[in-house]
Amino acid sequence: MNNRHVKVTYADGIEITFGETASRAWIRFMAPILAEEERKRRRKGRKR
């Protein structure tokens, strides 16, 4: 069992890492959603 991780990096510096169990379709589906959540979290953090 190879321990590979898929890393998705966006231009604005948001990085999402998926484990080896994640399929390509799942990554393609989830990456934009997770990135959007991360952007919201970062925006909230900057206000403080």
PDB file of N, CA and C in Angstrom:
ATOM      1  N   MET A   1       0.844  -1.200   0.000  1.00  0.00           N
ATOM      2  CA  MET A   1       0.000   0.000   0.000  1.00  0.00           C
ATOM      3  C   MET A   1       0.877   1.248   0.000  1.00  0.00           C
ATOM      4  N   ASN A   2       0.807   1.990  -1.068  1.00  0.00           N
ATOM      5  CA  ASN A   2       1.642   3.192  -1.137  1.00  0.00           C
ATOM      6  C   ASN A   2       0.924   4.364  -0.489  1.00  0.00           C
ATOM      7  N   ASN A   3       1.672   5.141   0.253  1.00  0.00           N
ATOM      8  CA  ASN A   3       1.093   6.261   0.995  1.00  0.00           C
ATOM      9  C   ASN A   3       1.236   7.533   0.177  1.00  0.00           C
ATOM     10  N   ARG A   4       0.315   7.731  -0.744  1.00  0.00           N
ATOM     11  CA  ARG A   4       0.389   8.917  -1.587  1.00  0.00           C
ATOM     12  C   ARG A   4      -0.682   9.913  -1.177  1.00  0.00           C
ATOM     13  N   HIS A   5      -0.333  11.167  -1.275  1.00  0.00           N
ATOM     14  CA  HIS A   5      -1.273  12.224  -0.963  1.00  0.00           C
ATOM     15  C   HIS A   5      -1.416  13.130  -2.166  1.00  0.00           C
ATOM     16  N   VAL A   6      -2.611  13.595  -2.383  1.00  0.00           N
ATOM     17  CA  VAL A   6      -2.874  14.501  -3.494  1.00  0.00           C
ATOM     18  C   VAL A   6      -3.012  15.892  -2.915  1.00  0.00           C
ATOM     19  N   LYS A   7      -2.196  16.804  -3.421  1.00  0.00           N
ATOM     20  CA  LYS A   7      -2.228  18.167  -2.918  1.00  0.00           C
ATOM     21  C   LYS A   7      -2.772  19.087  -3.996  1.00  0.00           C
ATOM     22  N   VAL A   8      -3.810  19.830  -3.647  1.00  0.00           N
ATOM     23  CA  VAL A   8      -4.405  20.791  -4.570  1.00  0.00           C
ATOM     24  C   VAL A   8      -4.044  22.173  -4.062  1.00  0.00           C
ATOM     25  N   THR A   9      -3.357  22.961  -4.890  1.00  0.00           N
ATOM     26  CA  THR A   9      -2.951  24.302  -4.489  1.00  0.00           C
ATOM     27  C   THR A   9      -3.597  25.324  -5.402  1.00  0.00           C
ATOM     28  N   TYR A  10      -4.223  26.311  -4.791  1.00  0.00           N
ATOM     29  CA  TYR A  10      -4.865  27.373  -5.557  1.00  0.00           C
ATOM     30  C   TYR A  10      -3.946  28.579  -5.658  1.00  0.00           C
ATOM     31  N   ALA A  11      -4.230  29.447  -6.617  1.00  0.00           N
ATOM     32  CA  ALA A  11      -3.385  30.613  -6.876  1.00  0.00           C
ATOM     33  C   ALA A  11      -3.301  31.531  -5.661  1.00  0.00           C
ATOM     34  N   ASP A  12      -4.376  31.596  -4.873  1.00  0.00           N
ATOM     35  CA  ASP A  12      -4.349  32.483  -3.703  1.00  0.00           C
ATOM     36  C   ASP A  12      -3.730  31.825  -2.476  1.00  0.00           C
ATOM     37  N   GLY A  13      -3.053  30.719  -2.677  1.00  0.00           N
ATOM     38  CA  GLY A  13      -2.255  30.139  -1.603  1.00  0.00           C
ATOM     39  C   GLY A  13      -2.982  29.124  -0.742  1.00  0.00           C
ATOM     40  N   ILE A  14      -4.217  28.797  -1.082  1.00  0.00           N
ATOM     41  CA  ILE A  14      -4.957  27.813  -0.306  1.00  0.00           C
ATOM     42  C   ILE A  14      -4.551  26.423  -0.770  1.00  0.00           C
ATOM     43  N   GLU A  15      -4.230  25.579   0.202  1.00  0.00           N
ATOM     44  CA  GLU A  15      -3.737  24.247  -0.111  1.00  0.00           C
ATOM     45  C   GLU A  15      -4.636  23.209   0.540  1.00  0.00           C
ATOM     46  N   ILE A  16      -5.064  22.246  -0.228  1.00  0.00           N
ATOM     47  CA  ILE A  16      -5.901  21.175   0.292  1.00  0.00           C
ATOM     48  C   ILE A  16      -5.199  19.854   0.016  1.00  0.00           C
ATOM     49  N   THR A  17      -5.072  19.029   1.050  1.00  0.00           N
ATOM     50  CA  THR A  17      -4.417  17.736   0.892  1.00  0.00           C
ATOM     51  C   THR A  17      -5.436  16.622   1.083  1.00  0.00           C
ATOM     52  N   PHE A  18      -5.453  15.696   0.154  1.00  0.00           N
ATOM     53  CA  PHE A  18      -6.339  14.539   0.233  1.00  0.00           C
ATOM     54  C   PHE A  18      -5.507  13.294   0.486  1.00  0.00           C
ATOM     55  N   GLY A  19      -6.055  12.368   1.228  1.00  0.00           N
ATOM     56  CA  GLY A  19      -5.381  11.104   1.465  1.00  0.00           C
ATOM     57  C   GLY A  19      -5.450  10.203   0.249  1.00  0.00           C
ATOM     58  N   GLU A  20      -4.796   9.049   0.349  1.00  0.00           N
ATOM     59  CA  GLU A  20      -4.723   8.132  -0.786  1.00  0.00           C
ATOM     60  C   GLU A  20      -6.077   7.510  -1.117  1.00  0.00           C
ATOM     61  N   THR A  21      -6.997   7.519  -0.171  1.00  0.00           N
ATOM     62  CA  THR A  21      -8.292   6.876  -0.401  1.00  0.00           C
ATOM     63  C   THR A  21      -9.201   7.730  -1.280  1.00  0.00           C
ATOM     64  N   ALA A  22      -8.901   9.010  -1.399  1.00  0.00           N
ATOM     65  CA  ALA A  22      -9.753   9.903  -2.183  1.00  0.00           C
ATOM     66  C   ALA A  22      -9.580   9.622  -3.672  1.00  0.00           C
ATOM     67  N   SER A  23     -10.690   9.458  -4.360  1.00  0.00           N
ATOM     68  CA  SER A  23     -10.636   9.240  -5.805  1.00  0.00           C
ATOM     69  C   SER A  23     -10.523  10.581  -6.514  1.00  0.00           C
ATOM     70  N   ARG A  24     -10.160  10.536  -7.784  1.00  0.00           N
ATOM     71  CA  ARG A  24      -9.993  11.777  -8.547  1.00  0.00           C
ATOM     72  C   ARG A  24     -11.302  12.538  -8.668  1.00  0.00           C
ATOM     73  N   ALA A  25     -12.387  11.805  -8.868  1.00  0.00           N
ATOM     74  CA  ALA A  25     -13.698  12.448  -8.987  1.00  0.00           C
ATOM     75  C   ALA A  25     -14.058  13.149  -7.679  1.00  0.00           C
ATOM     76  N   TRP A  26     -13.752  12.507  -6.558  1.00  0.00           N
ATOM     77  CA  TRP A  26     -14.040  13.067  -5.237  1.00  0.00           C
ATOM     78  C   TRP A  26     -13.224  14.340  -5.008  1.00  0.00           C
ATOM     79  N   ILE A  27     -11.950  14.305  -5.398  1.00  0.00           N
ATOM     80  CA  ILE A  27     -11.087  15.476  -5.252  1.00  0.00           C
ATOM     81  C   ILE A  27     -11.627  16.618  -6.102  1.00  0.00           C
ATOM     82  N   ARG A  28     -11.989  16.306  -7.338  1.00  0.00           N
ATOM     83  CA  ARG A  28     -12.494  17.331  -8.237  1.00  0.00           C
ATOM     84  C   ARG A  28     -13.774  17.952  -7.696  1.00  0.00           C
ATOM     85  N   PHE A  29     -14.569  17.132  -7.005  1.00  0.00           N
ATOM     86  CA  PHE A  29     -15.831  17.602  -6.452  1.00  0.00           C
ATOM     87  C   PHE A  29     -15.618  18.400  -5.166  1.00  0.00           C
ATOM     88  N   MET A  30     -14.737  17.910  -4.299  1.00  0.00           N
ATOM     89  CA  MET A  30     -14.577  18.495  -2.971  1.00  0.00           C
ATOM     90  C   MET A  30     -13.637  19.689  -2.916  1.00  0.00           C
ATOM     91  N   ALA A  31     -12.613  19.706  -3.754  1.00  0.00           N
ATOM     92  CA  ALA A  31     -11.597  20.758  -3.665  1.00  0.00           C
ATOM     93  C   ALA A  31     -12.190  22.169  -3.710  1.00  0.00           C
ATOM     94  N   PRO A  32     -13.063  22.502  -4.657  1.00  0.00           N
ATOM     95  CA  PRO A  32     -13.613  23.864  -4.685  1.00  0.00           C
ATOM     96  C   PRO A  32     -14.431  24.203  -3.446  1.00  0.00           C
ATOM     97  N   ILE A  33     -15.136  23.215  -2.912  1.00  0.00           N
ATOM     98  CA  ILE A  33     -15.966  23.443  -1.727  1.00  0.00           C
ATOM     99  C   ILE A  33     -15.081  23.719  -0.519  1.00  0.00           C
ATOM    100  N   LEU A  34     -14.054  22.899  -0.334  1.00  0.00           N
ATOM    101  CA  LEU A  34     -13.147  23.081   0.794  1.00  0.00           C
ATOM    102  C   LEU A  34     -12.373  24.383   0.672  1.00  0.00           C
ATOM    103  N   ALA A  35     -11.970  24.726  -0.539  1.00  0.00           N
ATOM    104  CA  ALA A  35     -11.233  25.970  -0.755  1.00  0.00           C
ATOM    105  C   ALA A  35     -12.106  27.167  -0.402  1.00  0.00           C
ATOM    106  N   GLU A  36     -13.368  27.116  -0.763  1.00  0.00           N
ATOM    107  CA  GLU A  36     -14.294  28.207  -0.457  1.00  0.00           C
ATOM    108  C   GLU A  36     -14.465  28.363   1.049  1.00  0.00           C
ATOM    109  N   GLU A  37     -14.569  27.248   1.759  1.00  0.00           N
ATOM    110  CA  GLU A  37     -14.674  27.292   3.220  1.00  0.00           C
ATOM    111  C   GLU A  37     -13.415  27.883   3.833  1.00  0.00           C
ATOM    112  N   GLU A  38     -12.278  27.516   3.290  1.00  0.00           N
ATOM    113  CA  GLU A  38     -11.003  28.027   3.792  1.00  0.00           C
ATOM    114  C   GLU A  38     -10.896  29.526   3.564  1.00  0.00           C
ATOM    115  N   ARG A  39     -11.357  29.999   2.405  1.00  0.00           N
ATOM    116  CA  ARG A  39     -11.336  31.436   2.120  1.00  0.00           C
ATOM    117  C   ARG A  39     -12.206  32.199   3.110  1.00  0.00           C
ATOM    118  N   LYS A  40     -13.381  31.659   3.416  1.00  0.00           N
ATOM    119  CA  LYS A  40     -14.278  32.300   4.381  1.00  0.00           C
ATOM    120  C   LYS A  40     -13.617  32.367   5.750  1.00  0.00           C
ATOM    121  N   ARG A  41     -12.965  31.274   6.136  1.00  0.00           N
ATOM    122  CA  ARG A  41     -12.296  31.221   7.431  1.00  0.00           C
ATOM    123  C   ARG A  41     -11.183  32.265   7.499  1.00  0.00           C
ATOM    124  N   ARG A  42     -10.414  32.390   6.417  1.00  0.00           N
ATOM    125  CA  ARG A  42      -9.302  33.343   6.408  1.00  0.00           C
ATOM    126  C   ARG A  42      -9.789  34.777   6.439  1.00  0.00           C
ATOM    127  N   ARG A  43     -10.900  35.049   5.750  1.00  0.00           N
ATOM    128  CA  ARG A  43     -11.457  36.400   5.756  1.00  0.00           C
ATOM    129  C   ARG A  43     -11.885  36.802   7.154  1.00  0.00           C
ATOM    130  N   LYS A  44     -12.493  35.866   7.872  1.00  0.00           N
ATOM    131  CA  LYS A  44     -12.916  36.128   9.245  1.00  0.00           C
ATOM    132  C   LYS A  44     -11.701  36.397  10.127  1.00  0.00           C
ATOM    133  N   GLY A  45     -10.640  35.650   9.899  1.00  0.00           N
ATOM    134  CA  GLY A  45      -9.427  35.798  10.700  1.00  0.00           C
ATOM    135  C   GLY A  45      -8.763  37.148  10.510  1.00  0.00           C
ATOM    136  N   ARG A  46      -8.850  37.715   9.316  1.00  0.00           N
ATOM    137  CA  ARG A  46      -8.202  38.993   9.039  1.00  0.00           C
ATOM    138  C   ARG A  46      -8.896  40.156   9.728  1.00  0.00           C
ATOM    139  N   LYS A  47     -10.201  40.024   9.911  1.00  0.00           N
ATOM    140  CA  LYS A  47     -10.966  41.113  10.527  1.00  0.00           C
ATOM    141  C   LYS A  47     -10.552  41.342  11.976  1.00  0.00           C
ATOM    142  N   ARG A  48     -10.199  40.259  12.678  1.00  0.00           N
ATOM    143  CA  ARG A  48      -9.841  40.387  14.095  1.00  0.00           C
ATOM    144  C   ARG A  48      -8.524  41.102  14.298  1.00  0.00           C
TER     145      ARG A  48
END
